[in-house]
């Protein structure tokens, strides 16, 4: 389970038998932003852009789900943005 918030309820996710992976500070693992730049404005923070890039990448397909909340204006629309991006990939 990929987690977008910086402090997800890890114990709760573990109690459901899930293995949470906090997707934060991915600047070393995500070098290009080609896909995320197609879906997010250029002034969007690098955290949101890199998270979106990872989820839309081949590596992101390893995730069984995502947990996110409205931490900021950008994250408020992330579910729809990611859903649309994944539909374009299929």
PDB file of N, CA and C in Angstrom:
ATOM      1  N   UNK A   1       0.854  -1.170   0.000  1.00  0.00           N
ATOM      2  CA  UNK A   1       0.000   0.000   0.000  1.00  0.00           C
ATOM      3  C   UNK A   1       0.892   1.223   0.000  1.00  0.00           C
ATOM      4  N   UNK A   2       0.848   1.989  -1.066  1.00  0.00           N
ATOM      5  CA  UNK A   2       1.605   3.226  -1.132  1.00  0.00           C
ATOM      6  C   UNK A   2       0.910   4.316  -0.344  1.00  0.00           C
ATOM      7  N   UNK A   3       1.661   5.044   0.465  1.00  0.00           N
ATOM      8  CA  UNK A   3       1.092   6.088   1.327  1.00  0.00           C
ATOM      9  C   UNK A   3       1.651   7.444   0.937  1.00  0.00           C
ATOM     10  N   UNK A   4       0.782   8.369   0.563  1.00  0.00           N
ATOM     11  CA  UNK A   4       1.194   9.715   0.212  1.00  0.00           C
ATOM     12  C   UNK A   4       1.377  10.620   1.415  1.00  0.00           C
ATOM     13  N   UNK A   5       0.603  10.472   2.479  1.00  0.00           N
ATOM     14  CA  UNK A   5       0.864  11.385   3.599  1.00  0.00           C
ATOM     15  C   UNK A   5       2.202  11.055   4.239  1.00  0.00           C
ATOM     16  N   UNK A   6       2.802  12.062   4.813  1.00  0.00           N
ATOM     17  CA  UNK A   6       4.095  11.869   5.456  1.00  0.00           C
ATOM     18  C   UNK A   6       3.972  10.994   6.698  1.00  0.00           C
ATOM     19  N   UNK A   7       2.869  11.097   7.407  1.00  0.00           N
ATOM     20  CA  UNK A   7       2.676  10.318   8.634  1.00  0.00           C
ATOM     21  C   UNK A   7       1.394   9.495   8.539  1.00  0.00           C
ATOM     22  N   UNK A   8       1.397   8.416   7.766  1.00  0.00           N
ATOM     23  CA  UNK A   8       0.187   7.595   7.663  1.00  0.00           C
ATOM     24  C   UNK A   8       0.002   6.755   8.930  1.00  0.00           C
ATOM     25  N   UNK A   9      -1.192   6.247   9.151  1.00  0.00           N
ATOM     26  CA  UNK A   9      -1.441   5.401  10.321  1.00  0.00           C
ATOM     27  C   UNK A   9      -0.869   3.999  10.093  1.00  0.00           C
ATOM     28  N   UNK A  10       0.431   3.857  10.248  1.00  0.00           N
ATOM     29  CA  UNK A  10       1.112   2.600   9.934  1.00  0.00           C
ATOM     30  C   UNK A  10       0.555   1.416  10.724  1.00  0.00           C
ATOM     31  N   UNK A  11       0.313   1.612  12.009  1.00  0.00           N
ATOM     32  CA  UNK A  11      -0.194   0.515  12.836  1.00  0.00           C
ATOM     33  C   UNK A  11      -1.551   0.030  12.340  1.00  0.00           C
ATOM     34  N   UNK A  12      -2.391   0.947  11.936  1.00  0.00           N
ATOM     35  CA  UNK A  12      -3.706   0.583  11.423  1.00  0.00           C
ATOM     36  C   UNK A  12      -3.577  -0.237  10.140  1.00  0.00           C
ATOM     37  N   UNK A  13      -2.718   0.214   9.239  1.00  0.00           N
ATOM     38  CA  UNK A  13      -2.520  -0.514   7.983  1.00  0.00           C
ATOM     39  C   UNK A  13      -1.941  -1.896   8.247  1.00  0.00           C
ATOM     40  N   UNK A  14      -0.990  -2.006   9.164  1.00  0.00           N
ATOM     41  CA  UNK A  14      -0.430  -3.312   9.522  1.00  0.00           C
ATOM     42  C   UNK A  14      -1.517  -4.224  10.101  1.00  0.00           C
ATOM     43  N   UNK A  15      -2.428  -3.668  10.893  1.00  0.00           N
ATOM     44  CA  UNK A  15      -3.482  -4.482  11.501  1.00  0.00           C
ATOM     45  C   UNK A  15      -4.424  -5.063  10.454  1.00  0.00           C
ATOM     46  N   UNK A  16      -4.488  -4.442   9.275  1.00  0.00           N
ATOM     47  CA  UNK A  16      -5.292  -4.971   8.168  1.00  0.00           C
ATOM     48  C   UNK A  16      -4.508  -5.963   7.312  1.00  0.00           C
ATOM     49  N   UNK A  17      -3.270  -6.236   7.707  1.00  0.00           N
ATOM     50  CA  UNK A  17      -2.441  -7.165   6.948  1.00  0.00           C
ATOM     51  C   UNK A  17      -1.778  -6.521   5.744  1.00  0.00           C
ATOM     52  N   UNK A  18      -1.717  -5.208   5.710  1.00  0.00           N
ATOM     53  CA  UNK A  18      -1.098  -4.493   4.600  1.00  0.00           C
ATOM     54  C   UNK A  18       0.340  -4.114   4.933  1.00  0.00           C
ATOM     55  N   UNK A  19       1.144  -3.944   3.910  1.00  0.00           N
ATOM     56  CA  UNK A  19       2.509  -3.483   4.101  1.00  0.00           C
ATOM     57  C   UNK A  19       2.604  -2.057   3.554  1.00  0.00           C
ATOM     58  N   UNK A  20       2.535  -1.056   4.431  1.00  0.00           N
ATOM     59  CA  UNK A  20       2.582   0.338   3.967  1.00  0.00           C
ATOM     60  C   UNK A  20       3.996   0.751   3.553  1.00  0.00           C
ATOM     61  N   UNK A  21       4.057   1.527   2.477  1.00  0.00           N
ATOM     62  CA  UNK A  21       5.311   2.093   1.995  1.00  0.00           C
ATOM     63  C   UNK A  21       5.087   3.600   1.874  1.00  0.00           C
ATOM     64  N   UNK A  22       5.813   4.371   2.668  1.00  0.00           N
ATOM     65  CA  UNK A  22       5.661   5.823   2.637  1.00  0.00           C
ATOM     66  C   UNK A  22       6.393   6.358   1.407  1.00  0.00           C
ATOM     67  N   UNK A  23       5.658   7.000   0.524  1.00  0.00           N
ATOM     68  CA  UNK A  23       6.211   7.530  -0.728  1.00  0.00           C
ATOM     69  C   UNK A  23       6.498   9.015  -0.551  1.00  0.00           C
ATOM     70  N   UNK A  24       7.605   9.307   0.045  1.00  0.00           N
ATOM     71  CA  UNK A  24       7.969  10.681   0.343  1.00  0.00           C
ATOM     72  C   UNK A  24       9.449  10.862   0.068  1.00  0.00           C
ATOM     73  N   UNK A  25       9.849  12.040  -0.334  1.00  0.00           N
ATOM     74  CA  UNK A  25      11.245  12.345  -0.598  1.00  0.00           C
ATOM     75  C   UNK A  25      11.851  11.356  -1.592  1.00  0.00           C
ATOM     76  N   UNK A  26      11.268  11.325  -2.773  1.00  0.00           N
ATOM     77  CA  UNK A  26      11.682  10.370  -3.798  1.00  0.00           C
ATOM     78  C   UNK A  26      12.632  10.984  -4.824  1.00  0.00           C
ATOM     79  N   UNK A  27      13.299  12.078  -4.472  1.00  0.00           N
ATOM     80  CA  UNK A  27      14.140  12.761  -5.448  1.00  0.00           C
ATOM     81  C   UNK A  27      15.303  11.908  -5.933  1.00  0.00           C
ATOM     82  N   UNK A  28      15.789  10.977  -5.116  1.00  0.00           N
ATOM     83  CA  UNK A  28      16.881  10.108  -5.560  1.00  0.00           C
ATOM     84  C   UNK A  28      16.395   8.982  -6.463  1.00  0.00           C
ATOM     85  N   UNK A  29      15.154   8.552  -6.289  1.00  0.00           N
ATOM     86  CA  UNK A  29      14.628   7.440  -7.062  1.00  0.00           C
ATOM     87  C   UNK A  29      13.883   7.837  -8.325  1.00  0.00           C
ATOM     88  N   UNK A  30      13.377   9.042  -8.370  1.00  0.00           N
ATOM     89  CA  UNK A  30      12.613   9.514  -9.534  1.00  0.00           C
ATOM     90  C   UNK A  30      13.386  10.657 -10.162  1.00  0.00           C
ATOM     91  N   UNK A  31      13.999  10.389 -11.281  1.00  0.00           N
ATOM     92  CA  UNK A  31      14.875  11.376 -11.927  1.00  0.00           C
ATOM     93  C   UNK A  31      14.169  12.220 -12.981  1.00  0.00           C
ATOM     94  N   UNK A  32      13.241  11.623 -13.706  1.00  0.00           N
ATOM     95  CA  UNK A  32      12.536  12.371 -14.747  1.00  0.00           C
ATOM     96  C   UNK A  32      11.092  12.594 -14.318  1.00  0.00           C
ATOM     97  N   UNK A  33      10.466  13.610 -14.881  1.00  0.00           N
ATOM     98  CA  UNK A  33       9.085  13.946 -14.535  1.00  0.00           C
ATOM     99  C   UNK A  33       8.208  14.027 -15.784  1.00  0.00           C
ATOM    100  N   UNK A  34       8.539  13.233 -16.775  1.00  0.00           N
ATOM    101  CA  UNK A  34       7.844  13.291 -18.058  1.00  0.00           C
ATOM    102  C   UNK A  34       6.346  13.034 -17.926  1.00  0.00           C
ATOM    103  N   UNK A  35       5.965  11.965 -17.241  1.00  0.00           N
ATOM    104  CA  UNK A  35       4.543  11.631 -17.116  1.00  0.00           C
ATOM    105  C   UNK A  35       3.814  12.588 -16.184  1.00  0.00           C
ATOM    106  N   UNK A  36       4.420  12.907 -15.049  1.00  0.00           N
ATOM    107  CA  UNK A  36       3.732  13.797 -14.105  1.00  0.00           C
ATOM    108  C   UNK A  36       3.555  15.190 -14.693  1.00  0.00           C
ATOM    109  N   UNK A  37       4.494  15.637 -15.514  1.00  0.00           N
ATOM    110  CA  UNK A  37       4.375  16.958 -16.129  1.00  0.00           C
ATOM    111  C   UNK A  37       3.212  17.025 -17.117  1.00  0.00           C
ATOM    112  N   UNK A  38       2.753  15.885 -17.586  1.00  0.00           N
ATOM    113  CA  UNK A  38       1.583  15.856 -18.470  1.00  0.00           C
ATOM    114  C   UNK A  38       0.290  16.071 -17.689  1.00  0.00           C
ATOM    115  N   UNK A  39       0.341  15.876 -16.362  1.00  0.00           N
ATOM    116  CA  UNK A  39      -0.878  15.918 -15.556  1.00  0.00           C
ATOM    117  C   UNK A  39      -0.886  17.001 -14.484  1.00  0.00           C
ATOM    118  N   UNK A  40       0.265  17.540 -14.163  1.00  0.00           N
ATOM    119  CA  UNK A  40       0.360  18.561 -13.117  1.00  0.00           C
ATOM    120  C   UNK A  40       1.008  19.828 -13.667  1.00  0.00           C
ATOM    121  N   UNK A  41       0.645  20.960 -13.112  1.00  0.00           N
ATOM    122  CA  UNK A  41       1.236  22.229 -13.518  1.00  0.00           C
ATOM    123  C   UNK A  41       2.719  22.268 -13.108  1.00  0.00           C
ATOM    124  N   UNK A  42       3.483  23.052 -13.828  1.00  0.00           N
ATOM    125  CA  UNK A  42       4.923  23.127 -13.571  1.00  0.00           C
ATOM    126  C   UNK A  42       5.249  23.741 -12.208  1.00  0.00           C
ATOM    127  N   UNK A  43       4.337  24.511 -11.640  1.00  0.00           N
ATOM    128  CA  UNK A  43       4.601  25.128 -10.339  1.00  0.00           C
ATOM    129  C   UNK A  43       4.192  24.235  -9.162  1.00  0.00           C
ATOM    130  N   UNK A  44       3.676  23.039  -9.456  1.00  0.00           N
ATOM    131  CA  UNK A  44       3.317  22.096  -8.393  1.00  0.00           C
ATOM    132  C   UNK A  44       4.576  21.651  -7.664  1.00  0.00           C
ATOM    133  N   UNK A  45       4.481  21.406  -6.374  1.00  0.00           N
ATOM    134  CA  UNK A  45       5.661  21.040  -5.586  1.00  0.00           C
ATOM    135  C   UNK A  45       6.293  19.750  -6.105  1.00  0.00           C
ATOM    136  N   UNK A  46       7.574  19.619  -5.875  1.00  0.00           N
ATOM    137  CA  UNK A  46       8.311  18.456  -6.361  1.00  0.00           C
ATOM    138  C   UNK A  46       7.847  17.170  -5.693  1.00  0.00           C
ATOM    139  N   UNK A  47       7.339  17.248  -4.480  1.00  0.00           N
ATOM    140  CA  UNK A  47       6.850  16.049  -3.802  1.00  0.00           C
ATOM    141  C   UNK A  47       5.696  15.450  -4.595  1.00  0.00           C
ATOM    142  N   UNK A  48       4.715  16.244  -4.933  1.00  0.00           N
ATOM    143  CA  UNK A  48       3.555  15.765  -5.682  1.00  0.00           C
ATOM    144  C   UNK A  48       3.955  15.300  -7.077  1.00  0.00           C
ATOM    145  N   UNK A  49       4.839  16.028  -7.712  1.00  0.00           N
ATOM    146  CA  UNK A  49       5.266  15.655  -9.065  1.00  0.00           C
ATOM    147  C   UNK A  49       6.012  14.330  -9.062  1.00  0.00           C
ATOM    148  N   UNK A  50       6.902  14.118  -8.110  1.00  0.00           N
ATOM    149  CA  UNK A  50       7.662  12.862  -8.053  1.00  0.00           C
ATOM    150  C   UNK A  50       6.779  11.686  -7.639  1.00  0.00           C
ATOM    151  N   UNK A  51       5.861  11.915  -6.716  1.00  0.00           N
ATOM    152  CA  UNK A  51       4.944  10.849  -6.323  1.00  0.00           C
ATOM    153  C   UNK A  51       4.075  10.430  -7.495  1.00  0.00           C
ATOM    154  N   UNK A  52       3.566  11.386  -8.228  1.00  0.00           N
ATOM    155  CA  UNK A  52       2.743  11.083  -9.399  1.00  0.00           C
ATOM    156  C   UNK A  52       3.555  10.336 -10.441  1.00  0.00           C
ATOM    157  N   UNK A  53       4.766  10.783 -10.692  1.00  0.00           N
ATOM    158  CA  UNK A  53       5.637  10.106 -11.658  1.00  0.00           C
ATOM    159  C   UNK A  53       5.863   8.654 -11.256  1.00  0.00           C
ATOM    160  N   UNK A  54       6.124   8.417  -9.974  1.00  0.00           N
ATOM    161  CA  UNK A  54       6.362   7.045  -9.514  1.00  0.00           C
ATOM    162  C   UNK A  54       5.122   6.171  -9.704  1.00  0.00           C
ATOM    163  N   UNK A  55       3.968   6.664  -9.304  1.00  0.00           N
ATOM    164  CA  UNK A  55       2.745   5.865  -9.402  1.00  0.00           C
ATOM    165  C   UNK A  55       2.426   5.546 -10.863  1.00  0.00           C
ATOM    166  N   UNK A  56       2.701   6.475 -11.762  1.00  0.00           N
ATOM    167  CA  UNK A  56       2.404   6.248 -13.177  1.00  0.00           C
ATOM    168  C   UNK A  56       3.485   5.437 -13.877  1.00  0.00           C
ATOM    169  N   UNK A  57       4.578   5.152 -13.191  1.00  0.00           N
ATOM    170  CA  UNK A  57       5.673   4.395 -13.796  1.00  0.00           C
ATOM    171  C   UNK A  57       5.449   2.895 -13.658  1.00  0.00           C
ATOM    172  N   UNK A  58       6.306   2.135 -14.293  1.00  0.00           N
ATOM    173  CA  UNK A  58       6.234   0.679 -14.201  1.00  0.00           C
ATOM    174  C   UNK A  58       6.437   0.208 -12.760  1.00  0.00           C
ATOM    175  N   UNK A  59       7.337   0.863 -12.031  1.00  0.00           N
ATOM    176  CA  UNK A  59       7.580   0.497 -10.639  1.00  0.00           C
ATOM    177  C   UNK A  59       6.334   0.727  -9.783  1.00  0.00           C
ATOM    178  N   UNK A  60       5.590   1.760 -10.086  1.00  0.00           N
ATOM    179  CA  UNK A  60       4.376   2.061  -9.339  1.00  0.00           C
ATOM    180  C   UNK A  60       3.300   1.004  -9.495  1.00  0.00           C
ATOM    181  N   UNK A  61       3.375   0.227 -10.569  1.00  0.00           N
ATOM    182  CA  UNK A  61       2.376  -0.827 -10.771  1.00  0.00           C
ATOM    183  C   UNK A  61       2.513  -1.946  -9.746  1.00  0.00           C
ATOM    184  N   UNK A  62       3.598  -1.948  -8.978  1.00  0.00           N
ATOM    185  CA  UNK A  62       3.770  -2.946  -7.922  1.00  0.00           C
ATOM    186  C   UNK A  62       2.854  -2.685  -6.732  1.00  0.00           C
ATOM    187  N   UNK A  63       2.335  -1.472  -6.618  1.00  0.00           N
ATOM    188  CA  UNK A  63       1.461  -1.110  -5.500  1.00  0.00           C
ATOM    189  C   UNK A  63       0.067  -1.697  -5.700  1.00  0.00           C
ATOM    190  N   UNK A  64      -0.502  -2.201  -4.622  1.00  0.00           N
ATOM    191  CA  UNK A  64      -1.875  -2.713  -4.684  1.00  0.00           C
ATOM    192  C   UNK A  64      -2.907  -1.635  -4.414  1.00  0.00           C
ATOM    193  N   UNK A  65      -2.468  -0.511  -3.886  1.00  0.00           N
ATOM    194  CA  UNK A  65      -3.388   0.575  -3.587  1.00  0.00           C
ATOM    195  C   UNK A  65      -2.641   1.789  -3.079  1.00  0.00           C
ATOM    196  N   UNK A  66      -3.369   2.864  -2.880  1.00  0.00           N
ATOM    197  CA  UNK A  66      -2.796   4.114  -2.386  1.00  0.00           C
ATOM    198  C   UNK A  66      -3.639   4.647  -1.242  1.00  0.00           C
ATOM    199  N   UNK A  67      -2.957   5.213  -0.256  1.00  0.00           N
ATOM    200  CA  UNK A  67      -3.619   5.918   0.831  1.00  0.00           C
ATOM    201  C   UNK A  67      -3.140   7.354   0.771  1.00  0.00           C
ATOM    202  N   UNK A  68      -4.061   8.280   0.672  1.00  0.00           N
ATOM    203  CA  UNK A  68      -3.686   9.692   0.650  1.00  0.00           C
ATOM    204  C   UNK A  68      -4.807  10.507   1.276  1.00  0.00           C
ATOM    205  N   UNK A  69      -4.460  11.699   1.715  1.00  0.00           N
ATOM    206  CA  UNK A  69      -5.468  12.606   2.242  1.00  0.00           C
ATOM    207  C   UNK A  69      -5.171  14.008   1.735  1.00  0.00           C
ATOM    208  N   UNK A  70      -6.082  14.922   1.975  1.00  0.00           N
ATOM    209  CA  UNK A  70      -5.972  16.290   1.468  1.00  0.00           C
ATOM    210  C   UNK A  70      -5.009  17.114   2.318  1.00  0.00           C
ATOM    211  N   UNK A  71      -3.727  16.871   2.174  1.00  0.00           N
ATOM    212  CA  UNK A  71      -2.729  17.595   2.958  1.00  0.00           C
ATOM    213  C   UNK A  71      -2.503  19.007   2.414  1.00  0.00           C
ATOM    214  N   UNK A  72      -2.804  19.209   1.140  1.00  0.00           N
ATOM    215  CA  UNK A  72      -2.613  20.522   0.521  1.00  0.00           C
ATOM    216  C   UNK A  72      -3.529  20.613  -0.694  1.00  0.00           C
ATOM    217  N   UNK A  73      -3.527  21.739  -1.368  1.00  0.00           N
ATOM    218  CA  UNK A  73      -4.394  21.919  -2.536  1.00  0.00           C
ATOM    219  C   UNK A  73      -4.076  20.911  -3.637  1.00  0.00           C
ATOM    220  N   UNK A  74      -2.813  20.629  -3.857  1.00  0.00           N
ATOM    221  CA  UNK A  74      -2.444  19.679  -4.907  1.00  0.00           C
ATOM    222  C   UNK A  74      -2.942  18.282  -4.574  1.00  0.00           C
ATOM    223  N   UNK A  75      -2.723  17.831  -3.342  1.00  0.00           N
ATOM    224  CA  UNK A  75      -3.150  16.487  -2.960  1.00  0.00           C
ATOM    225  C   UNK A  75      -4.658  16.327  -2.970  1.00  0.00           C
ATOM    226  N   UNK A  76      -5.375  17.409  -2.857  1.00  0.00           N
ATOM    227  CA  UNK A  76      -6.837  17.344  -2.871  1.00  0.00           C
ATOM    228  C   UNK A  76      -7.339  16.707  -4.169  1.00  0.00           C
ATOM    229  N   UNK A  77      -6.658  16.953  -5.261  1.00  0.00           N
ATOM    230  CA  UNK A  77      -7.088  16.432  -6.561  1.00  0.00           C
ATOM    231  C   UNK A  77      -6.260  15.250  -7.053  1.00  0.00           C
ATOM    232  N   UNK A  78      -5.341  14.764  -6.245  1.00  0.00           N
ATOM    233  CA  UNK A  78      -4.466  13.681  -6.684  1.00  0.00           C
ATOM    234  C   UNK A  78      -5.195  12.403  -7.083  1.00  0.00           C
ATOM    235  N   UNK A  79      -6.231  11.952  -6.368  1.00  0.00           N
ATOM    236  CA  UNK A  79      -6.896  10.724  -6.804  1.00  0.00           C
ATOM    237  C   UNK A  79      -7.405  10.800  -8.247  1.00  0.00           C
ATOM    238  N   UNK A  80      -8.013  11.915  -8.599  1.00  0.00           N
ATOM    239  CA  UNK A  80      -8.528  12.065  -9.959  1.00  0.00           C
ATOM    240  C   UNK A  80      -7.392  12.171 -10.978  1.00  0.00           C
ATOM    241  N   UNK A  81      -6.343  12.886 -10.622  1.00  0.00           N
ATOM    242  CA  UNK A  81      -5.200  13.051 -11.526  1.00  0.00           C
ATOM    243  C   UNK A  81      -4.540  11.715 -11.793  1.00  0.00           C
ATOM    244  N   UNK A  82      -4.308  10.951 -10.743  1.00  0.00           N
ATOM    245  CA  UNK A  82      -3.658   9.648 -10.899  1.00  0.00           C
ATOM    246  C   UNK A  82      -4.562   8.676 -11.640  1.00  0.00           C
ATOM    247  N   UNK A  83      -5.845   8.679 -11.328  1.00  0.00           N
ATOM    248  CA  UNK A  83      -6.783   7.791 -12.030  1.00  0.00           C
ATOM    249  C   UNK A  83      -6.764   8.076 -13.526  1.00  0.00           C
ATOM    250  N   UNK A  84      -6.788   9.338 -13.883  1.00  0.00           N
ATOM    251  CA  UNK A  84      -6.765   9.714 -15.301  1.00  0.00           C
ATOM    252  C   UNK A  84      -5.447   9.296 -15.959  1.00  0.00           C
ATOM    253  N   UNK A  85      -4.336   9.511 -15.250  1.00  0.00           N
ATOM    254  CA  UNK A  85      -3.040   9.117 -15.779  1.00  0.00           C
ATOM    255  C   UNK A  85      -2.927   7.622 -15.991  1.00  0.00           C
ATOM    256  N   UNK A  86      -3.457   6.833 -15.044  1.00  0.00           N
ATOM    257  CA  UNK A  86      -3.409   5.389 -15.182  1.00  0.00           C
ATOM    258  C   UNK A  86      -4.312   4.907 -16.310  1.00  0.00           C
ATOM    259  N   UNK A  87      -5.439   5.573 -16.538  1.00  0.00           N
ATOM    260  CA  UNK A  87      -6.322   5.208 -17.646  1.00  0.00           C
ATOM    261  C   UNK A  87      -5.621   5.428 -18.986  1.00  0.00           C
ATOM    262  N   UNK A  88      -4.833   6.478 -19.087  1.00  0.00           N
ATOM    263  CA  UNK A  88      -4.118   6.765 -20.333  1.00  0.00           C
ATOM    264  C   UNK A  88      -3.034   5.738 -20.608  1.00  0.00           C
ATOM    265  N   UNK A  89      -2.460   5.161 -19.559  1.00  0.00           N
ATOM    266  CA  UNK A  89      -1.406   4.173 -19.723  1.00  0.00           C
ATOM    267  C   UNK A  89      -1.960   2.849 -20.209  1.00  0.00           C
ATOM    268  N   UNK A  90      -3.159   2.498 -19.729  1.00  0.00           N
ATOM    269  CA  UNK A  90      -3.769   1.212 -20.105  1.00  0.00           C
ATOM    270  C   UNK A  90      -4.116   1.180 -21.523  1.00  0.00           C
TER     271      UNK A  90
END
